[in-house]
Amino acid sequence: MPIIVNLDVMMAKRKISLGELAERIDLTPANLSILKTGKAKTVRFSTLEAICRELNCQPGDILEFRPEEE
């Protein structure tokens, strides 16, 4: 998939655990884990906004587009 999720990188930079971030943004750790591993098919803007607010980052710090090689 050409969309890469770098949530784990931002969480490491901010020294925050998955459980702590999930609690702060009112999401289950299981659902946050699905997003973190890139297995989510969708993400709500409200969730992305909450993550960016808590990690003090921009959406582009978390999501990256890489075209598939042909």
N, C-alpha and C. Protein backbone atom coordinates (compact mmCIF):
# COMPACT_ATOMS: atom_id res chain seq x y z
N MET A 1 0.84 -1.18 0.00
CA MET A 1 0.00 0.00 0.00
C MET A 1 0.89 1.24 0.00
N PRO A 2 0.56 2.22 -0.82
CA PRO A 2 1.41 3.40 -0.93
C PRO A 2 1.33 4.38 0.23
N ILE A 3 0.40 4.21 1.16
CA ILE A 3 0.33 5.08 2.34
C ILE A 3 1.07 4.39 3.49
N ILE A 4 2.09 5.04 3.99
CA ILE A 4 2.91 4.51 5.08
C ILE A 4 2.54 5.25 6.36
N VAL A 5 2.33 4.50 7.43
CA VAL A 5 1.98 5.10 8.72
C VAL A 5 3.24 5.12 9.59
N ASN A 6 3.66 6.31 9.98
CA ASN A 6 4.86 6.49 10.80
C ASN A 6 4.51 6.85 12.25
N LEU A 7 3.37 6.37 12.71
CA LEU A 7 2.93 6.69 14.06
C LEU A 7 3.92 6.18 15.11
N ASP A 8 4.48 4.99 14.89
CA ASP A 8 5.43 4.45 15.85
C ASP A 8 6.67 5.33 15.98
N VAL A 9 7.08 5.94 14.89
CA VAL A 9 8.25 6.84 14.91
C VAL A 9 7.95 8.07 15.76
N MET A 10 6.77 8.68 15.53
CA MET A 10 6.41 9.86 16.30
C MET A 10 6.21 9.53 17.78
N MET A 11 5.63 8.37 18.06
CA MET A 11 5.44 7.97 19.46
C MET A 11 6.80 7.78 20.14
N ALA A 12 7.76 7.21 19.44
CA ALA A 12 9.10 7.02 20.01
C ALA A 12 9.77 8.37 20.26
N LYS A 13 9.63 9.30 19.31
CA LYS A 13 10.23 10.63 19.47
C LYS A 13 9.64 11.36 20.68
N ARG A 14 8.34 11.14 20.91
CA ARG A 14 7.66 11.82 22.02
C ARG A 14 7.68 11.00 23.32
N LYS A 15 8.26 9.80 23.22
CA LYS A 15 8.40 8.91 24.38
C LYS A 15 7.04 8.65 25.05
N ILE A 16 6.09 8.21 24.24
CA ILE A 16 4.76 7.91 24.73
C ILE A 16 4.38 6.49 24.31
N SER A 17 3.79 5.76 25.21
CA SER A 17 3.41 4.38 24.91
C SER A 17 2.08 4.34 24.16
N LEU A 18 1.82 3.21 23.55
CA LEU A 18 0.56 3.02 22.84
C LEU A 18 -0.61 3.15 23.79
N GLY A 19 -0.51 2.54 24.95
CA GLY A 19 -1.59 2.60 25.93
C GLY A 19 -1.86 4.01 26.41
N GLU A 20 -0.81 4.76 26.66
CA GLU A 20 -0.97 6.14 27.13
C GLU A 20 -1.59 7.02 26.06
N LEU A 21 -1.13 6.88 24.81
CA LEU A 21 -1.70 7.67 23.73
C LEU A 21 -3.16 7.29 23.50
N ALA A 22 -3.45 6.00 23.51
CA ALA A 22 -4.82 5.54 23.31
C ALA A 22 -5.75 6.15 24.36
N GLU A 23 -5.28 6.18 25.60
CA GLU A 23 -6.10 6.75 26.67
C GLU A 23 -6.32 8.24 26.46
N ARG A 24 -5.27 8.94 26.08
CA ARG A 24 -5.37 10.39 25.88
C ARG A 24 -6.30 10.78 24.75
N ILE A 25 -6.38 9.93 23.71
CA ILE A 25 -7.23 10.28 22.56
C ILE A 25 -8.55 9.51 22.58
N ASP A 26 -8.80 8.80 23.66
CA ASP A 26 -10.06 8.07 23.84
C ASP A 26 -10.30 7.06 22.73
N LEU A 27 -9.29 6.21 22.50
CA LEU A 27 -9.36 5.14 21.52
C LEU A 27 -8.88 3.87 22.20
N THR A 28 -9.38 2.73 21.80
CA THR A 28 -8.90 1.50 22.43
C THR A 28 -7.47 1.23 21.96
N PRO A 29 -6.66 0.62 22.82
CA PRO A 29 -5.30 0.28 22.39
C PRO A 29 -5.30 -0.63 21.16
N ALA A 30 -6.29 -1.52 21.05
CA ALA A 30 -6.36 -2.42 19.90
C ALA A 30 -6.57 -1.63 18.60
N ASN A 31 -7.47 -0.65 18.63
CA ASN A 31 -7.72 0.16 17.43
C ASN A 31 -6.53 1.04 17.09
N LEU A 32 -5.85 1.57 18.09
CA LEU A 32 -4.67 2.39 17.83
C LEU A 32 -3.55 1.51 17.26
N SER A 33 -3.44 0.30 17.74
CA SER A 33 -2.44 -0.64 17.23
C SER A 33 -2.69 -0.96 15.76
N ILE A 34 -3.95 -1.13 15.38
CA ILE A 34 -4.29 -1.39 13.97
C ILE A 34 -3.84 -0.22 13.11
N LEU A 35 -4.06 0.98 13.59
CA LEU A 35 -3.61 2.17 12.85
C LEU A 35 -2.09 2.23 12.80
N LYS A 36 -1.45 1.98 13.93
CA LYS A 36 0.01 2.08 14.03
C LYS A 36 0.73 1.10 13.10
N THR A 37 0.15 -0.09 12.94
CA THR A 37 0.79 -1.11 12.10
C THR A 37 0.45 -0.96 10.62
N GLY A 38 -0.37 0.04 10.28
CA GLY A 38 -0.71 0.27 8.89
C GLY A 38 -1.80 -0.64 8.36
N LYS A 39 -2.49 -1.34 9.24
CA LYS A 39 -3.52 -2.27 8.82
C LYS A 39 -4.90 -1.63 8.72
N ALA A 40 -5.04 -0.41 9.17
CA ALA A 40 -6.33 0.29 9.11
C ALA A 40 -6.61 0.68 7.66
N LYS A 41 -7.86 0.55 7.28
CA LYS A 41 -8.27 0.94 5.93
C LYS A 41 -8.72 2.40 5.88
N THR A 42 -9.12 2.94 7.04
CA THR A 42 -9.55 4.32 7.12
C THR A 42 -9.06 4.93 8.43
N VAL A 43 -9.05 6.24 8.46
CA VAL A 43 -8.77 6.95 9.71
C VAL A 43 -9.65 8.21 9.69
N ARG A 44 -10.33 8.44 10.78
CA ARG A 44 -11.17 9.63 10.88
C ARG A 44 -10.30 10.86 11.10
N PHE A 45 -10.75 11.97 10.53
CA PHE A 45 -10.02 13.22 10.74
C PHE A 45 -10.00 13.58 12.23
N SER A 46 -11.07 13.26 12.94
CA SER A 46 -11.09 13.57 14.38
C SER A 46 -10.03 12.77 15.12
N THR A 47 -9.80 11.53 14.70
CA THR A 47 -8.75 10.71 15.32
C THR A 47 -7.38 11.26 14.97
N LEU A 48 -7.18 11.60 13.70
CA LEU A 48 -5.91 12.16 13.26
C LEU A 48 -5.63 13.48 13.97
N GLU A 49 -6.67 14.29 14.13
CA GLU A 49 -6.53 15.56 14.84
C GLU A 49 -6.11 15.33 16.29
N ALA A 50 -6.74 14.37 16.96
CA ALA A 50 -6.42 14.08 18.36
C ALA A 50 -4.98 13.57 18.50
N ILE A 51 -4.56 12.72 17.57
CA ILE A 51 -3.19 12.20 17.61
C ILE A 51 -2.20 13.35 17.42
N CYS A 52 -2.45 14.20 16.43
CA CYS A 52 -1.55 15.33 16.17
C CYS A 52 -1.49 16.28 17.36
N ARG A 53 -2.64 16.50 18.00
CA ARG A 53 -2.67 17.39 19.16
C ARG A 53 -1.82 16.80 20.30
N GLU A 54 -1.98 15.52 20.57
CA GLU A 54 -1.25 14.89 21.68
C GLU A 54 0.24 14.74 21.40
N LEU A 55 0.59 14.49 20.14
CA LEU A 55 2.00 14.30 19.79
C LEU A 55 2.67 15.60 19.32
N ASN A 56 1.86 16.68 19.27
CA ASN A 56 2.38 17.97 18.82
C ASN A 56 3.10 17.83 17.47
N CYS A 57 2.35 17.32 16.48
CA CYS A 57 2.93 17.10 15.17
C CYS A 57 1.91 17.42 14.09
N GLN A 58 2.31 17.29 12.85
CA GLN A 58 1.45 17.51 11.70
C GLN A 58 1.03 16.16 11.11
N PRO A 59 -0.11 16.10 10.40
CA PRO A 59 -0.52 14.84 9.77
C PRO A 59 0.56 14.23 8.89
N GLY A 60 1.33 15.07 8.21
CA GLY A 60 2.41 14.58 7.36
C GLY A 60 3.55 13.94 8.13
N ASP A 61 3.62 14.18 9.43
CA ASP A 61 4.63 13.50 10.26
C ASP A 61 4.23 12.06 10.51
N ILE A 62 2.94 11.77 10.38
CA ILE A 62 2.40 10.44 10.69
C ILE A 62 2.12 9.64 9.42
N LEU A 63 1.59 10.32 8.40
CA LEU A 63 1.22 9.64 7.16
C LEU A 63 2.14 10.07 6.02
N GLU A 64 2.55 9.09 5.23
CA GLU A 64 3.48 9.36 4.12
C GLU A 64 2.98 8.60 2.88
N PHE A 65 3.07 9.23 1.74
CA PHE A 65 2.69 8.59 0.48
C PHE A 65 3.95 8.16 -0.26
N ARG A 66 4.01 6.87 -0.61
CA ARG A 66 5.09 6.34 -1.42
C ARG A 66 4.48 5.62 -2.61
N PRO A 67 4.66 6.13 -3.81
CA PRO A 67 4.10 5.47 -4.99
C PRO A 67 4.63 4.04 -5.11
N GLU A 68 3.75 3.15 -5.56
CA GLU A 68 4.18 1.76 -5.76
C GLU A 68 5.09 1.70 -6.97
N GLU A 69 6.12 0.88 -6.88
CA GLU A 69 7.05 0.70 -7.98
C GLU A 69 6.42 -0.21 -9.01
N GLU A 70 6.60 0.12 -10.27
CA GLU A 70 6.02 -0.72 -11.33
C GLU A 70 7.06 -1.60 -11.95
